[in-house]
């Protein structure tokens, strides 16, 4: 992820996730912290129960499961695989310069005892991945729209665009804040908010 988008991404995601995870948890959240070592081991066992895999295939499978927003580094995956071999939950065989890992009977029994927890971890990863991918997509669309508008205004409009853009972001933040303040409001109040938003959209579109 580009550093500019990464910074914006986590800023946006923290605000987006606060109602779901709590402000403190969302503010400090990073995909790399989503998995503890024992959780990663369970995920790996779950993946190996489907078929034998190389280390990079495990990384790729987790990345795909999180909509492409998180791929564990080799520096955490391979030590986890080494540990699983040490406790006899997995075995490996050399394939040239690579190792192919597969689950053992002991590993299958351990996974069966923790199958529900493994499923919950994977569900959590998928949920967070989908939400973060959505926020990232929205940010990219906003950035692209801003650049297009600035270009359409021409060179003389660049300074004006910067001012308008700053004001726009401030209004958008205020709008999000106002909506979040209504999360605990009554159904009647939430309907009123929806009516206000619909009217505002109609006014913007000139309808």
C-alpha atoms as a PDB file:
ATOM      1  CA  UNK A   1       0.000   0.000   0.000  1.00  0.00           C
ATOM      2  CA  UNK A   2       1.346   3.477  -0.843  1.00  0.00           C
ATOM      3  CA  UNK A   3       2.522   5.289   2.364  1.00  0.00           C
ATOM      4  CA  UNK A   4       0.130   8.197   1.723  1.00  0.00           C
ATOM      5  CA  UNK A   5      -2.830   5.862   1.399  1.00  0.00           C
ATOM      6  CA  UNK A   6      -1.620   3.749   4.336  1.00  0.00           C
ATOM      7  CA  UNK A   7      -1.680   6.747   6.662  1.00  0.00           C
ATOM      8  CA  UNK A   8      -5.073   7.910   5.395  1.00  0.00           C
ATOM      9  CA  UNK A   9      -6.309   4.334   5.424  1.00  0.00           C
ATOM     10  CA  UNK A  10      -5.704   3.703   9.110  1.00  0.00           C
ATOM     11  CA  UNK A  11      -6.981   7.183  10.045  1.00  0.00           C
ATOM     12  CA  UNK A  12     -10.212   6.494   8.156  1.00  0.00           C
ATOM     13  CA  UNK A  13     -10.453   2.923   9.376  1.00  0.00           C
ATOM     14  CA  UNK A  14     -10.042   3.913  13.010  1.00  0.00           C
ATOM     15  CA  UNK A  15     -13.058   6.235  12.719  1.00  0.00           C
ATOM     16  CA  UNK A  16     -14.987   3.734  10.649  1.00  0.00           C
ATOM     17  CA  UNK A  17     -14.346   0.857  13.073  1.00  0.00           C
ATOM     18  CA  UNK A  18     -14.919   2.735  16.328  1.00  0.00           C
ATOM     19  CA  UNK A  19     -18.644   1.843  16.621  1.00  0.00           C
ATOM     20  CA  UNK A  20     -17.764  -1.839  16.108  1.00  0.00           C
ATOM     21  CA  UNK A  21     -14.592  -2.241  18.214  1.00  0.00           C
ATOM     22  CA  UNK A  22     -14.526   0.796  20.502  1.00  0.00           C
ATOM     23  CA  UNK A  23     -12.533   3.953  19.890  1.00  0.00           C
ATOM     24  CA  UNK A  24      -9.402   2.810  21.746  1.00  0.00           C
ATOM     25  CA  UNK A  25      -9.254  -0.557  20.005  1.00  0.00           C
ATOM     26  CA  UNK A  26      -9.927   0.874  16.567  1.00  0.00           C
ATOM     27  CA  UNK A  27      -7.361   3.654  16.939  1.00  0.00           C
ATOM     28  CA  UNK A  28      -4.553   1.240  17.682  1.00  0.00           C
ATOM     29  CA  UNK A  29      -5.601  -1.477  15.276  1.00  0.00           C
ATOM     30  CA  UNK A  30      -3.276  -2.765  12.585  1.00  0.00           C
ATOM     31  CA  UNK A  31      -3.748  -5.832  10.446  1.00  0.00           C
ATOM     32  CA  UNK A  32      -0.407  -7.178  11.643  1.00  0.00           C
ATOM     33  CA  UNK A  33      -1.811  -7.353  15.177  1.00  0.00           C
ATOM     34  CA  UNK A  34      -4.942  -9.226  14.224  1.00  0.00           C
ATOM     35  CA  UNK A  35      -3.288 -12.598  14.773  1.00  0.00           C
ATOM     36  CA  UNK A  36      -1.524 -13.738  17.916  1.00  0.00           C
ATOM     37  CA  UNK A  37       1.055 -16.496  17.491  1.00  0.00           C
ATOM     38  CA  UNK A  38      -1.331 -19.274  18.569  1.00  0.00           C
ATOM     39  CA  UNK A  39      -4.061 -17.886  16.313  1.00  0.00           C
ATOM     40  CA  UNK A  40      -1.683 -17.886  13.359  1.00  0.00           C
ATOM     41  CA  UNK A  41      -0.750 -21.482  14.132  1.00  0.00           C
ATOM     42  CA  UNK A  42      -4.426 -22.477  14.101  1.00  0.00           C
ATOM     43  CA  UNK A  43      -5.002 -20.691  10.810  1.00  0.00           C
ATOM     44  CA  UNK A  44      -2.014 -22.451   9.285  1.00  0.00           C
ATOM     45  CA  UNK A  45      -3.259 -25.828  10.490  1.00  0.00           C
ATOM     46  CA  UNK A  46      -6.671 -25.076   9.033  1.00  0.00           C
ATOM     47  CA  UNK A  47      -5.065 -24.264   5.672  1.00  0.00           C
ATOM     48  CA  UNK A  48      -2.864 -27.369   5.798  1.00  0.00           C
ATOM     49  CA  UNK A  49      -5.926 -29.488   6.549  1.00  0.00           C
ATOM     50  CA  UNK A  50      -7.239 -28.483   3.112  1.00  0.00           C
ATOM     51  CA  UNK A  51      -4.048 -29.497   1.291  1.00  0.00           C
ATOM     52  CA  UNK A  52      -0.231 -29.500   1.708  1.00  0.00           C
ATOM     53  CA  UNK A  53       1.203 -26.037   1.088  1.00  0.00           C
ATOM     54  CA  UNK A  54       4.495 -24.207   0.754  1.00  0.00           C
ATOM     55  CA  UNK A  55       5.125 -21.280   3.069  1.00  0.00           C
ATOM     56  CA  UNK A  56       4.451 -18.693   0.380  1.00  0.00           C
ATOM     57  CA  UNK A  57       1.164 -20.462  -0.456  1.00  0.00           C
ATOM     58  CA  UNK A  58       0.080 -20.036   3.168  1.00  0.00           C
ATOM     59  CA  UNK A  59       0.919 -16.332   3.005  1.00  0.00           C
ATOM     60  CA  UNK A  60      -1.008 -15.995  -0.259  1.00  0.00           C
ATOM     61  CA  UNK A  61      -4.035 -17.869   1.095  1.00  0.00           C
ATOM     62  CA  UNK A  62      -4.271 -15.561   4.124  1.00  0.00           C
ATOM     63  CA  UNK A  63      -3.865 -12.518   1.878  1.00  0.00           C
ATOM     64  CA  UNK A  64      -6.711 -13.694  -0.352  1.00  0.00           C
ATOM     65  CA  UNK A  65      -8.875 -14.433   2.700  1.00  0.00           C
ATOM     66  CA  UNK A  66      -8.485 -10.811   3.852  1.00  0.00           C
ATOM     67  CA  UNK A  67      -9.377  -9.289   0.476  1.00  0.00           C
ATOM     68  CA  UNK A  68      -5.722  -8.539  -0.184  1.00  0.00           C
ATOM     69  CA  UNK A  69      -5.221  -6.088   2.697  1.00  0.00           C
ATOM     70  CA  UNK A  70      -3.075  -8.319   4.937  1.00  0.00           C
ATOM     71  CA  UNK A  71      -0.322 -10.791   4.161  1.00  0.00           C
ATOM     72  CA  UNK A  72       1.681 -12.129   7.122  1.00  0.00           C
ATOM     73  CA  UNK A  73       5.406 -11.746   6.626  1.00  0.00           C
ATOM     74  CA  UNK A  74       7.697 -14.747   6.119  1.00  0.00           C
ATOM     75  CA  UNK A  75       9.278 -13.659   9.401  1.00  0.00           C
ATOM     76  CA  UNK A  76       6.164 -14.732  11.301  1.00  0.00           C
ATOM     77  CA  UNK A  77       4.893 -17.568   9.093  1.00  0.00           C
ATOM     78  CA  UNK A  78       8.058 -19.663   8.934  1.00  0.00           C
ATOM     79  CA  UNK A  79       8.723 -19.583  12.706  1.00  0.00           C
ATOM     80  CA  UNK A  80       5.096 -20.685  13.175  1.00  0.00           C
ATOM     81  CA  UNK A  81       5.662 -23.571  10.777  1.00  0.00           C
ATOM     82  CA  UNK A  82       8.870 -24.515  12.608  1.00  0.00           C
ATOM     83  CA  UNK A  83       6.959 -24.578  15.886  1.00  0.00           C
ATOM     84  CA  UNK A  84       4.204 -26.747  14.403  1.00  0.00           C
ATOM     85  CA  UNK A  85       6.869 -29.197  13.273  1.00  0.00           C
ATOM     86  CA  UNK A  86       8.491 -29.186  16.711  1.00  0.00           C
ATOM     87  CA  UNK A  87       5.209 -30.132  18.411  1.00  0.00           C
ATOM     88  CA  UNK A  88       4.508 -32.729  15.673  1.00  0.00           C
ATOM     89  CA  UNK A  89       1.413 -30.969  14.328  1.00  0.00           C
ATOM     90  CA  UNK A  90       2.983 -30.633  10.881  1.00  0.00           C
ATOM     91  CA  UNK A  91       5.766 -32.210   8.843  1.00  0.00           C
ATOM     92  CA  UNK A  92       7.674 -30.981   5.836  1.00  0.00           C
ATOM     93  CA  UNK A  93       9.509 -32.505   2.938  1.00  0.00           C
ATOM     94  CA  UNK A  94      12.067 -30.838   0.725  1.00  0.00           C
ATOM     95  CA  UNK A  95      11.126 -29.932  -2.827  1.00  0.00           C
ATOM     96  CA  UNK A  96      14.299 -28.449  -4.216  1.00  0.00           C
ATOM     97  CA  UNK A  97      14.950 -25.223  -2.325  1.00  0.00           C
ATOM     98  CA  UNK A  98      11.396 -25.228  -0.933  1.00  0.00           C
ATOM     99  CA  UNK A  99       9.589 -27.130   1.791  1.00  0.00           C
ATOM    100  CA  UNK A 100       6.114 -28.601   1.418  1.00  0.00           C
ATOM    101  CA  UNK A 101       4.219 -28.690   4.697  1.00  0.00           C
ATOM    102  CA  UNK A 102       1.364 -30.979   5.578  1.00  0.00           C
ATOM    103  CA  UNK A 103      -0.690 -31.594   8.694  1.00  0.00           C
ATOM    104  CA  UNK A 104      -0.104 -34.696  10.848  1.00  0.00           C
ATOM    105  CA  UNK A 105      -2.586 -36.886  12.672  1.00  0.00           C
ATOM    106  CA  UNK A 106      -1.720 -35.076  15.908  1.00  0.00           C
ATOM    107  CA  UNK A 107      -2.231 -31.757  14.147  1.00  0.00           C
ATOM    108  CA  UNK A 108      -5.608 -32.877  12.826  1.00  0.00           C
ATOM    109  CA  UNK A 109      -6.689 -33.918  16.319  1.00  0.00           C
ATOM    110  CA  UNK A 110      -5.567 -30.587  17.756  1.00  0.00           C
ATOM    111  CA  UNK A 111      -7.375 -28.707  15.002  1.00  0.00           C
ATOM    112  CA  UNK A 112     -10.545 -30.714  15.571  1.00  0.00           C
ATOM    113  CA  UNK A 113     -10.514 -29.737  19.252  1.00  0.00           C
ATOM    114  CA  UNK A 114     -10.140 -26.090  18.211  1.00  0.00           C
ATOM    115  CA  UNK A 115     -12.129 -26.130  14.978  1.00  0.00           C
ATOM    116  CA  UNK A 116     -14.737 -23.636  16.190  1.00  0.00           C
ATOM    117  CA  UNK A 117     -12.056 -21.191  17.339  1.00  0.00           C
ATOM    118  CA  UNK A 118     -10.199 -21.541  14.034  1.00  0.00           C
ATOM    119  CA  UNK A 119     -13.419 -20.798  12.141  1.00  0.00           C
ATOM    120  CA  UNK A 120     -14.034 -17.714  14.290  1.00  0.00           C
ATOM    121  CA  UNK A 121     -10.511 -16.430  13.624  1.00  0.00           C
ATOM    122  CA  UNK A 122     -10.946 -16.855   9.869  1.00  0.00           C
ATOM    123  CA  UNK A 123     -14.348 -15.166   9.992  1.00  0.00           C
ATOM    124  CA  UNK A 124     -12.810 -12.261  11.882  1.00  0.00           C
ATOM    125  CA  UNK A 125     -10.010 -11.925   9.347  1.00  0.00           C
ATOM    126  CA  UNK A 126     -12.470 -11.985   6.454  1.00  0.00           C
ATOM    127  CA  UNK A 127     -14.715  -9.386   8.121  1.00  0.00           C
ATOM    128  CA  UNK A 128     -11.852  -6.983   8.872  1.00  0.00           C
ATOM    129  CA  UNK A 129     -10.357  -7.519   5.423  1.00  0.00           C
ATOM    130  CA  UNK A 130     -13.617  -6.738   3.645  1.00  0.00           C
ATOM    131  CA  UNK A 131     -14.184  -3.601   5.727  1.00  0.00           C
ATOM    132  CA  UNK A 132     -10.646  -2.328   5.272  1.00  0.00           C
ATOM    133  CA  UNK A 133     -10.689  -3.068   1.543  1.00  0.00           C
ATOM    134  CA  UNK A 134     -13.931  -1.079   1.271  1.00  0.00           C
ATOM    135  CA  UNK A 135     -12.446   1.910   3.103  1.00  0.00           C
ATOM    136  CA  UNK A 136      -9.316   1.746   0.952  1.00  0.00           C
ATOM    137  CA  UNK A 137     -11.411   1.684  -2.212  1.00  0.00           C
ATOM    138  CA  UNK A 138     -13.431   4.691  -1.035  1.00  0.00           C
ATOM    139  CA  UNK A 139     -10.257   6.624  -0.293  1.00  0.00           C
ATOM    140  CA  UNK A 140      -8.821   5.902  -3.724  1.00  0.00           C
ATOM    141  CA  UNK A 141     -12.053   7.018  -5.384  1.00  0.00           C
ATOM    142  CA  UNK A 142     -12.089  10.238  -3.360  1.00  0.00           C
ATOM    143  CA  UNK A 143      -8.460  10.947  -4.221  1.00  0.00           C
ATOM    144  CA  UNK A 144      -9.069  10.266  -7.922  1.00  0.00           C
ATOM    145  CA  UNK A 145     -12.169  12.486  -7.942  1.00  0.00           C
ATOM    146  CA  UNK A 146     -10.232  15.283  -6.261  1.00  0.00           C
ATOM    147  CA  UNK A 147      -7.397  15.129  -8.783  1.00  0.00           C
ATOM    148  CA  UNK A 148      -9.908  15.086 -11.659  1.00  0.00           C
ATOM    149  CA  UNK A 149     -11.746  18.133 -10.303  1.00  0.00           C
ATOM    150  CA  UNK A 150      -8.474  19.992  -9.747  1.00  0.00           C
ATOM    151  CA  UNK A 151      -7.366  19.197 -13.300  1.00  0.00           C
ATOM    152  CA  UNK A 152     -10.708  20.306 -14.720  1.00  0.00           C
ATOM    153  CA  UNK A 153     -10.352  23.683 -12.983  1.00  0.00           C
ATOM    154  CA  UNK A 154      -7.066  24.365 -14.767  1.00  0.00           C
ATOM    155  CA  UNK A 155      -3.799  25.790 -13.473  1.00  0.00           C
ATOM    156  CA  UNK A 156      -5.397  29.036 -12.254  1.00  0.00           C
ATOM    157  CA  UNK A 157      -7.855  27.059 -10.156  1.00  0.00           C
ATOM    158  CA  UNK A 158      -5.256  24.981  -8.291  1.00  0.00           C
ATOM    159  CA  UNK A 159      -5.012  27.343  -5.299  1.00  0.00           C
ATOM    160  CA  UNK A 160      -8.771  27.697  -5.128  1.00  0.00           C
ATOM    161  CA  UNK A 161      -9.087  23.912  -5.327  1.00  0.00           C
ATOM    162  CA  UNK A 162      -6.743  23.441  -2.359  1.00  0.00           C
ATOM    163  CA  UNK A 163      -8.905  25.753  -0.278  1.00  0.00           C
ATOM    164  CA  UNK A 164     -12.102  24.069  -1.421  1.00  0.00           C
ATOM    165  CA  UNK A 165     -10.626  20.624  -0.770  1.00  0.00           C
ATOM    166  CA  UNK A 166      -9.607  21.539   2.786  1.00  0.00           C
ATOM    167  CA  UNK A 167     -13.066  22.968   3.462  1.00  0.00           C
ATOM    168  CA  UNK A 168     -14.710  19.901   1.922  1.00  0.00           C
ATOM    169  CA  UNK A 169     -12.754  17.506   4.153  1.00  0.00           C
ATOM    170  CA  UNK A 170     -13.624  19.557   7.229  1.00  0.00           C
ATOM    171  CA  UNK A 171     -17.339  19.462   6.352  1.00  0.00           C
ATOM    172  CA  UNK A 172     -17.161  15.735   5.670  1.00  0.00           C
ATOM    173  CA  UNK A 173     -15.512  15.113   9.056  1.00  0.00           C
ATOM    174  CA  UNK A 174     -18.200  17.201  10.745  1.00  0.00           C
ATOM    175  CA  UNK A 175     -20.910  15.241   8.924  1.00  0.00           C
ATOM    176  CA  UNK A 176     -19.446  11.895  10.001  1.00  0.00           C
ATOM    177  CA  UNK A 177     -19.163  13.141  13.564  1.00  0.00           C
ATOM    178  CA  UNK A 178     -22.770  14.334  13.560  1.00  0.00           C
ATOM    179  CA  UNK A 179     -23.972  10.957  12.230  1.00  0.00           C
ATOM    180  CA  UNK A 180     -21.980   9.020  14.832  1.00  0.00           C
ATOM    181  CA  UNK A 181     -23.513  11.167  17.548  1.00  0.00           C
ATOM    182  CA  UNK A 182     -26.893   9.792  16.477  1.00  0.00           C
ATOM    183  CA  UNK A 183     -25.940   6.106  16.732  1.00  0.00           C
ATOM    184  CA  UNK A 184     -27.757   5.788  20.053  1.00  0.00           C
ATOM    185  CA  UNK A 185     -30.701   7.981  19.073  1.00  0.00           C
ATOM    186  CA  UNK A 186     -34.302   6.816  18.851  1.00  0.00           C
ATOM    187  CA  UNK A 187     -35.733   5.370  15.634  1.00  0.00           C
ATOM    188  CA  UNK A 188     -37.728   8.558  15.148  1.00  0.00           C
ATOM    189  CA  UNK A 189     -34.601  10.707  15.422  1.00  0.00           C
ATOM    190  CA  UNK A 190     -32.691   8.459  13.021  1.00  0.00           C
ATOM    191  CA  UNK A 191     -35.519   8.806  10.480  1.00  0.00           C
ATOM    192  CA  UNK A 192     -35.279  12.578  10.836  1.00  0.00           C
ATOM    193  CA  UNK A 193     -31.532  12.405  10.143  1.00  0.00           C
ATOM    194  CA  UNK A 194     -32.171  10.297   7.036  1.00  0.00           C
ATOM    195  CA  UNK A 195     -34.707  12.834   5.793  1.00  0.00           C
ATOM    196  CA  UNK A 196     -32.190  15.652   6.301  1.00  0.00           C
ATOM    197  CA  UNK A 197     -29.545  13.724   4.349  1.00  0.00           C
ATOM    198  CA  UNK A 198     -31.956  12.949   1.503  1.00  0.00           C
ATOM    199  CA  UNK A 199     -32.914  16.628   1.248  1.00  0.00           C
ATOM    200  CA  UNK A 200     -29.245  17.662   1.281  1.00  0.00           C
ATOM    201  CA  UNK A 201     -28.473  15.205  -1.543  1.00  0.00           C
ATOM    202  CA  UNK A 202     -31.412  16.535  -3.566  1.00  0.00           C
ATOM    203  CA  UNK A 203     -30.224  20.117  -3.023  1.00  0.00           C
ATOM    204  CA  UNK A 204     -26.663  19.245  -4.110  1.00  0.00           C
ATOM    205  CA  UNK A 205     -27.977  17.593  -7.263  1.00  0.00           C
ATOM    206  CA  UNK A 206     -30.301  20.528  -7.925  1.00  0.00           C
ATOM    207  CA  UNK A 207     -33.468  18.448  -7.756  1.00  0.00           C
END
